[in-house]
Amino acid sequence: MTEKEQKWIHEGLITESLPNGMFRVRLDNEDLILGYISGKIRRSFIRILPGDRVKVEVSRYDSTKGRIIYRLRKKDSKDKKDSKDNKDSKDNKDSKDNKDSKD
């Protein structure tokens, strides 16, 4: 048993926070699984909140549970459109503030 158990790695979105470091995760393939925080994330005090994109390691034998191994930053996620929209809204707000300061 020298070979490690094979696991699938998926990306998903945290939809709900549950007790004891457990989360409901909607994977990109629309599956809903139960995710728990890996020890490395727990030791590093990385905060995971609903709405965050994460990488989840799912076992071949039980595809209803997975280990959250990485929290994606906004620029790392596949949703480039969302980050662009946020930037545009920030630019609009800045230009509005500049107009107010001139008056």
PDB file of N, CA and C in Angstrom:
ATOM      1  N   MET A   1       0.824  -1.182   0.000  1.00  0.00           N
ATOM      2  CA  MET A   1       0.000   0.000   0.000  1.00  0.00           C
ATOM      3  C   MET A   1       0.873   1.252   0.000  1.00  0.00           C
ATOM      4  N   THR A   2       1.866   1.289  -0.871  1.00  0.00           N
ATOM      5  CA  THR A   2       2.756   2.436  -0.957  1.00  0.00           C
ATOM      6  C   THR A   2       2.157   3.555  -1.795  1.00  0.00           C
ATOM      7  N   GLU A   3       1.255   3.209  -2.711  1.00  0.00           N
ATOM      8  CA  GLU A   3       0.653   4.225  -3.561  1.00  0.00           C
ATOM      9  C   GLU A   3      -0.485   4.915  -2.816  1.00  0.00           C
ATOM     10  N   LYS A   4      -0.507   6.253  -2.884  1.00  0.00           N
ATOM     11  CA  LYS A   4      -1.561   7.000  -2.197  1.00  0.00           C
ATOM     12  C   LYS A   4      -2.887   6.820  -2.914  1.00  0.00           C
ATOM     13  N   GLU A   5      -3.946   6.984  -2.151  1.00  0.00           N
ATOM     14  CA  GLU A   5      -5.292   6.903  -2.705  1.00  0.00           C
ATOM     15  C   GLU A   5      -5.488   8.038  -3.712  1.00  0.00           C
ATOM     16  N   GLN A   6      -6.048   7.702  -4.869  1.00  0.00           N
ATOM     17  CA  GLN A   6      -6.256   8.721  -5.887  1.00  0.00           C
ATOM     18  C   GLN A   6      -7.448   9.593  -5.517  1.00  0.00           C
ATOM     19  N   LYS A   7      -7.291  10.891  -5.726  1.00  0.00           N
ATOM     20  CA  LYS A   7      -8.350  11.840  -5.417  1.00  0.00           C
ATOM     21  C   LYS A   7      -8.549  12.764  -6.607  1.00  0.00           C
ATOM     22  N   TRP A   8      -9.775  13.264  -6.722  1.00  0.00           N
ATOM     23  CA  TRP A   8     -10.089  14.246  -7.747  1.00  0.00           C
ATOM     24  C   TRP A   8     -10.034  15.619  -7.119  1.00  0.00           C
ATOM     25  N   ILE A   9      -9.540  16.603  -7.857  1.00  0.00           N
ATOM     26  CA  ILE A   9      -9.512  17.977  -7.371  1.00  0.00           C
ATOM     27  C   ILE A   9     -10.486  18.793  -8.214  1.00  0.00           C
ATOM     28  N   HIS A  10     -11.427  19.435  -7.526  1.00  0.00           N
ATOM     29  CA  HIS A  10     -12.448  20.261  -8.172  1.00  0.00           C
ATOM     30  C   HIS A  10     -12.389  21.664  -7.594  1.00  0.00           C
ATOM     31  N   GLU A  11     -12.932  22.620  -8.347  1.00  0.00           N
ATOM     32  CA  GLU A  11     -13.135  23.962  -7.818  1.00  0.00           C
ATOM     33  C   GLU A  11     -14.607  24.126  -7.527  1.00  0.00           C
ATOM     34  N   GLY A  12     -14.901  24.934  -6.511  1.00  0.00           N
ATOM     35  CA  GLY A  12     -16.291  25.138  -6.150  1.00  0.00           C
ATOM     36  C   GLY A  12     -16.490  26.432  -5.392  1.00  0.00           C
ATOM     37  N   LEU A  13     -17.743  26.670  -5.032  1.00  0.00           N
ATOM     38  CA  LEU A  13     -18.150  27.878  -4.332  1.00  0.00           C
ATOM     39  C   LEU A  13     -18.746  27.498  -2.991  1.00  0.00           C
ATOM     40  N   ILE A  14     -18.302  28.145  -1.924  1.00  0.00           N
ATOM     41  CA  ILE A  14     -18.858  27.902  -0.594  1.00  0.00           C
ATOM     42  C   ILE A  14     -20.255  28.511  -0.561  1.00  0.00           C
ATOM     43  N   THR A  15     -21.264  27.697  -0.261  1.00  0.00           N
ATOM     44  CA  THR A  15     -22.631  28.205  -0.216  1.00  0.00           C
ATOM     45  C   THR A  15     -23.149  28.362   1.200  1.00  0.00           C
ATOM     46  N   GLU A  16     -22.618  27.567   2.142  1.00  0.00           N
ATOM     47  CA  GLU A  16     -23.134  27.606   3.509  1.00  0.00           C
ATOM     48  C   GLU A  16     -22.033  27.202   4.480  1.00  0.00           C
ATOM     49  N   SER A  17     -21.995  27.877   5.617  1.00  0.00           N
ATOM     50  CA  SER A  17     -21.047  27.544   6.672  1.00  0.00           C
ATOM     51  C   SER A  17     -21.763  26.698   7.718  1.00  0.00           C
ATOM     52  N   LEU A  18     -21.157  25.574   8.088  1.00  0.00           N
ATOM     53  CA  LEU A  18     -21.728  24.657   9.071  1.00  0.00           C
ATOM     54  C   LEU A  18     -20.801  24.599  10.283  1.00  0.00           C
ATOM     55  N   PRO A  19     -21.238  24.025  11.396  1.00  0.00           N
ATOM     56  CA  PRO A  19     -20.371  23.941  12.583  1.00  0.00           C
ATOM     57  C   PRO A  19     -19.130  23.071  12.357  1.00  0.00           C
ATOM     58  N   ASN A  20     -18.127  23.280  13.204  1.00  0.00           N
ATOM     59  CA  ASN A  20     -16.902  22.474  13.244  1.00  0.00           C
ATOM     60  C   ASN A  20     -16.082  22.512  11.956  1.00  0.00           C
ATOM     61  N   GLY A  21     -16.001  23.657  11.324  1.00  0.00           N
ATOM     62  CA  GLY A  21     -15.160  23.795  10.140  1.00  0.00           C
ATOM     63  C   GLY A  21     -15.671  23.036   8.931  1.00  0.00           C
ATOM     64  N   MET A  22     -16.975  22.840   8.861  1.00  0.00           N
ATOM     65  CA  MET A  22     -17.578  22.154   7.713  1.00  0.00           C
ATOM     66  C   MET A  22     -18.321  23.193   6.864  1.00  0.00           C
ATOM     67  N   PHE A  23     -18.369  22.938   5.570  1.00  0.00           N
ATOM     68  CA  PHE A  23     -19.006  23.865   4.644  1.00  0.00           C
ATOM     69  C   PHE A  23     -19.777  23.089   3.593  1.00  0.00           C
ATOM     70  N   ARG A  24     -20.832  23.698   3.083  1.00  0.00           N
ATOM     71  CA  ARG A  24     -21.552  23.157   1.938  1.00  0.00           C
ATOM     72  C   ARG A  24     -20.911  23.806   0.715  1.00  0.00           C
ATOM     73  N   VAL A  25     -20.452  22.983  -0.235  1.00  0.00           N
ATOM     74  CA  VAL A  25     -19.720  23.476  -1.405  1.00  0.00           C
ATOM     75  C   VAL A  25     -20.451  23.044  -2.672  1.00  0.00           C
ATOM     76  N   ARG A  26     -20.709  24.018  -3.560  1.00  0.00           N
ATOM     77  CA  ARG A  26     -21.281  23.705  -4.873  1.00  0.00           C
ATOM     78  C   ARG A  26     -20.133  23.688  -5.869  1.00  0.00           C
ATOM     79  N   LEU A  27     -19.850  22.492  -6.396  1.00  0.00           N
ATOM     80  CA  LEU A  27     -18.751  22.335  -7.349  1.00  0.00           C
ATOM     81  C   LEU A  27     -19.130  22.945  -8.689  1.00  0.00           C
ATOM     82  N   ASP A  28     -18.131  23.147  -9.545  1.00  0.00           N
ATOM     83  CA  ASP A  28     -18.377  23.726 -10.861  1.00  0.00           C
ATOM     84  C   ASP A  28     -19.260  22.837 -11.725  1.00  0.00           C
ATOM     85  N   ASN A  29     -19.284  21.530 -11.431  1.00  0.00           N
ATOM     86  CA  ASN A  29     -20.150  20.621 -12.191  1.00  0.00           C
ATOM     87  C   ASN A  29     -21.536  20.511 -11.552  1.00  0.00           C
ATOM     88  N   GLU A  30     -21.886  21.480 -10.676  1.00  0.00           N
ATOM     89  CA  GLU A  30     -23.194  21.614 -10.020  1.00  0.00           C
ATOM     90  C   GLU A  30     -23.483  20.564  -8.954  1.00  0.00           C
ATOM     91  N   ASP A  31     -22.508  19.733  -8.575  1.00  0.00           N
ATOM     92  CA  ASP A  31     -22.703  18.804  -7.455  1.00  0.00           C
ATOM     93  C   ASP A  31     -22.600  19.577  -6.149  1.00  0.00           C
ATOM     94  N   LEU A  32     -23.383  19.171  -5.157  1.00  0.00           N
ATOM     95  CA  LEU A  32     -23.349  19.789  -3.837  1.00  0.00           C
ATOM     96  C   LEU A  32     -22.722  18.794  -2.881  1.00  0.00           C
ATOM     97  N   ILE A  33     -21.588  19.168  -2.261  1.00  0.00           N
ATOM     98  CA  ILE A  33     -20.889  18.249  -1.366  1.00  0.00           C
ATOM     99  C   ILE A  33     -20.643  18.916  -0.018  1.00  0.00           C
ATOM    100  N   LEU A  34     -20.226  18.113   0.948  1.00  0.00           N
ATOM    101  CA  LEU A  34     -19.851  18.586   2.272  1.00  0.00           C
ATOM    102  C   LEU A  34     -18.334  18.699   2.307  1.00  0.00           C
ATOM    103  N   GLY A  35     -17.821  19.894   2.578  1.00  0.00           N
ATOM    104  CA  GLY A  35     -16.379  20.104   2.604  1.00  0.00           C
ATOM    105  C   GLY A  35     -15.900  20.412   4.002  1.00  0.00           C
ATOM    106  N   TYR A  36     -14.725  19.890   4.348  1.00  0.00           N
ATOM    107  CA  TYR A  36     -14.128  20.197   5.642  1.00  0.00           C
ATOM    108  C   TYR A  36     -12.748  20.795   5.408  1.00  0.00           C
ATOM    109  N   ILE A  37     -12.301  21.603   6.344  1.00  0.00           N
ATOM    110  CA  ILE A  37     -11.044  22.332   6.191  1.00  0.00           C
ATOM    111  C   ILE A  37      -9.858  21.406   6.423  1.00  0.00           C
ATOM    112  N   SER A  38      -8.850  21.504   5.564  1.00  0.00           N
ATOM    113  CA  SER A  38      -7.635  20.707   5.755  1.00  0.00           C
ATOM    114  C   SER A  38      -6.839  21.270   6.931  1.00  0.00           C
ATOM    115  N   GLY A  39      -5.958  20.455   7.475  1.00  0.00           N
ATOM    116  CA  GLY A  39      -5.153  20.861   8.616  1.00  0.00           C
ATOM    117  C   GLY A  39      -4.242  22.028   8.313  1.00  0.00           C
ATOM    118  N   LYS A  40      -3.732  22.091   7.090  1.00  0.00           N
ATOM    119  CA  LYS A  40      -2.830  23.171   6.700  1.00  0.00           C
ATOM    120  C   LYS A  40      -3.558  24.516   6.726  1.00  0.00           C
ATOM    121  N   ILE A  41      -4.789  24.534   6.225  1.00  0.00           N
ATOM    122  CA  ILE A  41      -5.584  25.763   6.249  1.00  0.00           C
ATOM    123  C   ILE A  41      -5.949  26.119   7.685  1.00  0.00           C
ATOM    124  N   ARG A  42      -6.272  25.116   8.473  1.00  0.00           N
ATOM    125  CA  ARG A  42      -6.646  25.341   9.874  1.00  0.00           C
ATOM    126  C   ARG A  42      -5.465  25.926  10.664  1.00  0.00           C
ATOM    127  N   ARG A  43      -4.263  25.386  10.444  1.00  0.00           N
ATOM    128  CA  ARG A  43      -3.068  25.879  11.146  1.00  0.00           C
ATOM    129  C   ARG A  43      -2.702  27.299  10.733  1.00  0.00           C
ATOM    130  N   SER A  44      -2.972  27.635   9.472  1.00  0.00           N
ATOM    131  CA  SER A  44      -2.623  28.964   8.960  1.00  0.00           C
ATOM    132  C   SER A  44      -3.681  30.014   9.274  1.00  0.00           C
ATOM    133  N   PHE A  45      -4.754  29.619   9.945  1.00  0.00           N
ATOM    134  CA  PHE A  45      -5.852  30.527  10.311  1.00  0.00           C
ATOM    135  C   PHE A  45      -6.428  31.238   9.095  1.00  0.00           C
ATOM    136  N   ILE A  46      -6.569  30.517   7.981  1.00  0.00           N
ATOM    137  CA  ILE A  46      -7.160  31.097   6.782  1.00  0.00           C
ATOM    138  C   ILE A  46      -8.670  31.062   6.949  1.00  0.00           C
ATOM    139  N   ARG A  47      -9.283  32.229   6.823  1.00  0.00           N
ATOM    140  CA  ARG A  47     -10.724  32.343   7.026  1.00  0.00           C
ATOM    141  C   ARG A  47     -11.449  32.018   5.724  1.00  0.00           C
ATOM    142  N   ILE A  48     -12.425  31.149   5.811  1.00  0.00           N
ATOM    143  CA  ILE A  48     -13.232  30.774   4.656  1.00  0.00           C
ATOM    144  C   ILE A  48     -14.669  31.161   4.961  1.00  0.00           C
ATOM    145  N   LEU A  49     -15.272  31.909   4.045  1.00  0.00           N
ATOM    146  CA  LEU A  49     -16.621  32.425   4.242  1.00  0.00           C
ATOM    147  C   LEU A  49     -17.507  32.031   3.068  1.00  0.00           C
ATOM    148  N   PRO A  50     -18.820  32.022   3.259  1.00  0.00           N
ATOM    149  CA  PRO A  50     -19.720  31.772   2.128  1.00  0.00           C
ATOM    150  C   PRO A  50     -19.471  32.790   1.020  1.00  0.00           C
ATOM    151  N   GLY A  51     -19.420  32.296  -0.208  1.00  0.00           N
ATOM    152  CA  GLY A  51     -19.117  33.135  -1.360  1.00  0.00           C
ATOM    153  C   GLY A  51     -17.688  32.982  -1.847  1.00  0.00           C
ATOM    154  N   ASP A  52     -16.812  32.365  -1.046  1.00  0.00           N
ATOM    155  CA  ASP A  52     -15.424  32.147  -1.452  1.00  0.00           C
ATOM    156  C   ASP A  52     -15.335  30.992  -2.441  1.00  0.00           C
ATOM    157  N   ARG A  53     -14.370  31.084  -3.364  1.00  0.00           N
ATOM    158  CA  ARG A  53     -14.087  29.979  -4.280  1.00  0.00           C
ATOM    159  C   ARG A  53     -12.951  29.173  -3.685  1.00  0.00           C
ATOM    160  N   VAL A  54     -13.065  27.852  -3.735  1.00  0.00           N
ATOM    161  CA  VAL A  54     -12.083  26.970  -3.111  1.00  0.00           C
ATOM    162  C   VAL A  54     -11.747  25.807  -4.034  1.00  0.00           C
ATOM    163  N   LYS A  55     -10.596  25.170  -3.752  1.00  0.00           N
ATOM    164  CA  LYS A  55     -10.238  23.899  -4.383  1.00  0.00           C
ATOM    165  C   LYS A  55     -10.552  22.807  -3.379  1.00  0.00           C
ATOM    166  N   VAL A  56     -11.211  21.758  -3.843  1.00  0.00           N
ATOM    167  CA  VAL A  56     -11.634  20.668  -2.969  1.00  0.00           C
ATOM    168  C   VAL A  56     -11.075  19.362  -3.499  1.00  0.00           C
ATOM    169  N   GLU A  57     -10.510  18.558  -2.599  1.00  0.00           N
ATOM    170  CA  GLU A  57      -9.981  17.234  -2.925  1.00  0.00           C
ATOM    171  C   GLU A  57     -11.057  16.217  -2.554  1.00  0.00           C
ATOM    172  N   VAL A  58     -11.570  15.491  -3.554  1.00  0.00           N
ATOM    173  CA  VAL A  58     -12.675  14.555  -3.341  1.00  0.00           C
ATOM    174  C   VAL A  58     -12.174  13.130  -3.547  1.00  0.00           C
ATOM    175  N   SER A  59     -12.519  12.250  -2.625  1.00  0.00           N
ATOM    176  CA  SER A  59     -12.124  10.849  -2.707  1.00  0.00           C
ATOM    177  C   SER A  59     -12.911  10.137  -3.804  1.00  0.00           C
ATOM    178  N   ARG A  60     -12.295   9.159  -4.414  1.00  0.00           N
ATOM    179  CA  ARG A  60     -13.000   8.353  -5.416  1.00  0.00           C
ATOM    180  C   ARG A  60     -14.079   7.509  -4.773  1.00  0.00           C
ATOM    181  N   TYR A  61     -13.888   7.172  -3.498  1.00  0.00           N
ATOM    182  CA  TYR A  61     -14.782   6.225  -2.843  1.00  0.00           C
ATOM    183  C   TYR A  61     -16.008   6.884  -2.228  1.00  0.00           C
ATOM    184  N   ASP A  62     -15.901   8.145  -1.832  1.00  0.00           N
ATOM    185  CA  ASP A  62     -17.039   8.859  -1.262  1.00  0.00           C
ATOM    186  C   ASP A  62     -17.081  10.252  -1.880  1.00  0.00           C
ATOM    187  N   SER A  63     -17.866  10.400  -2.923  1.00  0.00           N
ATOM    188  CA  SER A  63     -17.887  11.666  -3.656  1.00  0.00           C
ATOM    189  C   SER A  63     -18.823  12.695  -3.035  1.00  0.00           C
ATOM    190  N   THR A  64     -19.346  12.421  -1.831  1.00  0.00           N
ATOM    191  CA  THR A  64     -20.223  13.385  -1.165  1.00  0.00           C
ATOM    192  C   THR A  64     -19.470  14.253  -0.167  1.00  0.00           C
ATOM    193  N   LYS A  65     -18.208  13.921   0.109  1.00  0.00           N
ATOM    194  CA  LYS A  65     -17.392  14.682   1.057  1.00  0.00           C
ATOM    195  C   LYS A  65     -16.077  15.048   0.398  1.00  0.00           C
ATOM    196  N   GLY A  66     -15.504  16.173   0.830  1.00  0.00           N
ATOM    197  CA  GLY A  66     -14.223  16.582   0.285  1.00  0.00           C
ATOM    198  C   GLY A  66     -13.452  17.443   1.252  1.00  0.00           C
ATOM    199  N   ARG A  67     -12.143  17.488   1.057  1.00  0.00           N
ATOM    200  CA  ARG A  67     -11.259  18.291   1.896  1.00  0.00           C
ATOM    201  C   ARG A  67     -10.946  19.584   1.161  1.00  0.00           C
ATOM    202  N   ILE A  68     -11.198  20.714   1.809  1.00  0.00           N
ATOM    203  CA  ILE A  68     -10.890  22.022   1.228  1.00  0.00           C
ATOM    204  C   ILE A  68      -9.390  22.241   1.395  1.00  0.00           C
ATOM    205  N   ILE A  69      -8.673  22.302   0.264  1.00  0.00           N
ATOM    206  CA  ILE A  69      -7.218  22.384   0.329  1.00  0.00           C
ATOM    207  C   ILE A  69      -6.673  23.757  -0.040  1.00  0.00           C
ATOM    208  N   TYR A  70      -7.510  24.625  -0.625  1.00  0.00           N
ATOM    209  CA  TYR A  70      -7.007  25.924  -1.057  1.00  0.00           C
ATOM    210  C   TYR A  70      -8.164  26.895  -1.222  1.00  0.00           C
ATOM    211  N   ARG A  71      -7.999  28.109  -0.711  1.00  0.00           N
ATOM    212  CA  ARG A  71      -8.986  29.172  -0.955  1.00  0.00           C
ATOM    213  C   ARG A  71      -8.445  30.040  -2.070  1.00  0.00           C
ATOM    214  N   LEU A  72      -9.206  30.152  -3.148  1.00  0.00           N
ATOM    215  CA  LEU A  72      -8.757  30.914  -4.304  1.00  0.00           C
ATOM    216  C   LEU A  72      -8.937  32.403  -4.059  1.00  0.00           C
ATOM    217  N   ARG A  73      -7.952  33.176  -4.487  1.00  0.00           N
ATOM    218  CA  ARG A  73      -8.104  34.624  -4.456  1.00  0.00           C
ATOM    219  C   ARG A  73      -9.039  35.014  -5.577  1.00  0.00           C
ATOM    220  N   LYS A  74      -9.513  36.224  -5.557  1.00  0.00           N
ATOM    221  CA  LYS A  74     -10.466  36.686  -6.572  1.00  0.00           C
ATOM    222  C   LYS A  74      -9.871  36.581  -7.968  1.00  0.00           C
ATOM    223  N   LYS A  75      -8.581  36.915  -8.121  1.00  0.00           N
ATOM    224  CA  LYS A  75      -7.981  36.891  -9.454  1.00  0.00           C
ATOM    225  C   LYS A  75      -7.632  35.476  -9.911  1.00  0.00           C
ATOM    226  N   ASP A  76      -7.554  34.492  -8.982  1.00  0.00           N
ATOM    227  CA  ASP A  76      -7.242  33.114  -9.348  1.00  0.00           C
ATOM    228  C   ASP A  76      -8.456  32.351  -9.854  1.00  0.00           C
ATOM    229  N   SER A  77      -9.649  32.820  -9.523  1.00  0.00           N
ATOM    230  CA  SER A  77     -10.840  32.055  -9.865  1.00  0.00           C
ATOM    231  C   SER A  77     -11.143  32.168 -11.353  1.00  0.00           C
ATOM    232  N   LYS A  78     -11.985  31.273 -11.836  1.00  0.00           N
ATOM    233  CA  LYS A  78     -12.347  31.255 -13.243  1.00  0.00           C
ATOM    234  C   LYS A  78     -13.319  32.373 -13.590  1.00  0.00           C
ATOM    235  N   ASP A  79     -13.940  32.993 -12.580  1.00  0.00           N
ATOM    236  CA  ASP A  79     -14.931  34.034 -12.802  1.00  0.00           C
ATOM    237  C   ASP A  79     -14.245  35.378 -13.009  1.00  0.00           C
ATOM    238  N   LYS A  80     -13.576  35.547 -14.134  1.00  0.00           N
ATOM    239  CA  LYS A  80     -12.873  36.794 -14.430  1.00  0.00           C
ATOM    240  C   LYS A  80     -13.876  37.934 -14.598  1.00  0.00           C
ATOM    241  N   LYS A  81     -15.061  37.626 -15.106  1.00  0.00           N
ATOM    242  CA  LYS A  81     -16.082  38.624 -15.358  1.00  0.00           C
ATOM    243  C   LYS A  81     -16.487  39.331 -14.068  1.00  0.00           C
ATOM    244  N   ASP A  82     -16.631  38.581 -12.983  1.00  0.00           N
ATOM    245  CA  ASP A  82     -17.050  39.157 -11.711  1.00  0.00           C
ATOM    246  C   ASP A  82     -16.031  40.157 -11.197  1.00  0.00           C
ATOM    247  N   SER A  83     -14.744  39.821 -11.278  1.00  0.00           N
ATOM    248  CA  SER A  83     -13.721  40.729 -10.773  1.00  0.00           C
ATOM    249  C   SER A  83     -13.650  41.984 -11.642  1.00  0.00           C
ATOM    250  N   LYS A  84     -13.909  41.859 -12.956  1.00  0.00           N
ATOM    251  CA  LYS A  84     -13.906  43.015 -13.838  1.00  0.00           C
ATOM    252  C   LYS A  84     -15.074  43.933 -13.498  1.00  0.00           C
ATOM    253  N   ASP A  85     -16.251  43.359 -13.241  1.00  0.00           N
ATOM    254  CA  ASP A  85     -17.414  44.155 -12.876  1.00  0.00           C
ATOM    255  C   ASP A  85     -17.166  44.912 -11.585  1.00  0.00           C
ATOM    256  N   ASN A  86     -16.519  44.282 -10.623  1.00  0.00           N
ATOM    257  CA  ASN A  86     -16.213  44.947  -9.359  1.00  0.00           C
ATOM    258  C   ASN A  86     -15.272  46.123  -9.584  1.00  0.00           C
ATOM    259  N   LYS A  87     -14.294  45.961 -10.486  1.00  0.00           N
ATOM    260  CA  LYS A  87     -13.345  47.029 -10.773  1.00  0.00           C
ATOM    261  C   LYS A  87     -14.064  48.195 -11.441  1.00  0.00           C
ATOM    262  N   ASP A  88     -14.966  47.895 -12.404  1.00  0.00           N
ATOM    263  CA  ASP A  88     -15.706  48.946 -13.088  1.00  0.00           C
ATOM    264  C   ASP A  88     -16.573  49.727 -12.116  1.00  0.00           C
ATOM    265  N   SER A  89     -17.241  49.039 -11.204  1.00  0.00           N
ATOM    266  CA  SER A  89     -18.099  49.732 -10.244  1.00  0.00           C
ATOM    267  C   SER A  89     -17.262  50.600  -9.313  1.00  0.00           C
ATOM    268  N   LYS A  90     -16.044  50.162  -8.986  1.00  0.00           N
ATOM    269  CA  LYS A  90     -15.154  50.958  -8.143  1.00  0.00           C
ATOM    270  C   LYS A  90     -14.722  52.214  -8.890  1.00  0.00           C
ATOM    271  N   ASP A  91     -14.404  52.087 -10.193  1.00  0.00           N
ATOM    272  CA  ASP A  91     -14.009  53.240 -10.992  1.00  0.00           C
ATOM    273  C   ASP A  91     -15.148  54.244 -11.080  1.00  0.00           C
ATOM    274  N   ASN A  92     -16.374  53.752 -11.259  1.00  0.00           N
ATOM    275  CA  ASN A  92     -17.529  54.635 -11.328  1.00  0.00           C
ATOM    276  C   ASN A  92     -17.716  55.380 -10.016  1.00  0.00           C
ATOM    277  N   LYS A  93     -17.505  54.694  -8.907  1.00  0.00           N
ATOM    278  CA  LYS A  93     -17.643  55.313  -7.592  1.00  0.00           C
ATOM    279  C   LYS A  93     -16.582  56.390  -7.410  1.00  0.00           C
ATOM    280  N   ASP A  94     -15.339  56.112  -7.838  1.00  0.00           N
ATOM    281  CA  ASP A  94     -14.260  57.084  -7.715  1.00  0.00           C
ATOM    282  C   ASP A  94     -14.552  58.333  -8.541  1.00  0.00           C
ATOM    283  N   SER A  95     -15.062  58.155  -9.763  1.00  0.00           N
ATOM    284  CA  SER A  95     -15.352  59.310 -10.605  1.00  0.00           C
ATOM    285  C   SER A  95     -16.498  60.119 -10.011  1.00  0.00           C
ATOM    286  N   LYS A  96     -17.458  59.450  -9.378  1.00  0.00           N
ATOM    287  CA  LYS A  96     -18.568  60.140  -8.728  1.00  0.00           C
ATOM    288  C   LYS A  96     -18.046  60.954  -7.542  1.00  0.00           C
ATOM    289  N   ASP A  97     -17.115  60.386  -6.774  1.00  0.00           N
ATOM    290  CA  ASP A  97     -16.532  61.094  -5.639  1.00  0.00           C
ATOM    291  C   ASP A  97     -15.771  62.332  -6.108  1.00  0.00           C
ATOM    292  N   ASN A  98     -15.083  62.225  -7.245  1.00  0.00           N
ATOM    293  CA  ASN A  98     -14.341  63.362  -7.780  1.00  0.00           C
ATOM    294  C   ASN A  98     -15.283  64.487  -8.188  1.00  0.00           C
ATOM    295  N   LYS A  99     -16.438  64.142  -8.767  1.00  0.00           N
ATOM    296  CA  LYS A  99     -17.424  65.149  -9.148  1.00  0.00           C
ATOM    297  C   LYS A  99     -17.955  65.860  -7.911  1.00  0.00           C
ATOM    298  N   ASP A 100     -18.202  65.104  -6.840  1.00  0.00           N
ATOM    299  CA  ASP A 100     -18.724  65.692  -5.611  1.00  0.00           C
ATOM    300  C   ASP A 100     -17.716  66.640  -4.981  1.00  0.00           C
ATOM    301  N   SER A 101     -16.442  66.315  -5.064  1.00  0.00           N
ATOM    302  CA  SER A 101     -15.421  67.143  -4.429  1.00  0.00           C
ATOM    303  C   SER A 101     -15.212  68.454  -5.184  1.00  0.00           C
ATOM    304  N   LYS A 102     -15.514  68.498  -6.491  1.00  0.00           N
ATOM    305  CA  LYS A 102     -15.365  69.723  -7.276  1.00  0.00           C
ATOM    306  C   LYS A 102     -16.475  70.715  -6.963  1.00  0.00           C
ATOM    307  N   ASP A 103     -17.629  70.228  -6.560  1.00  0.00           N
ATOM    308  CA  ASP A 103     -18.775  71.117  -6.292  1.00  0.00           C
ATOM    309  C   ASP A 103     -18.667  71.850  -4.992  1.00  0.00           C
TER     310      ASP A 103
END
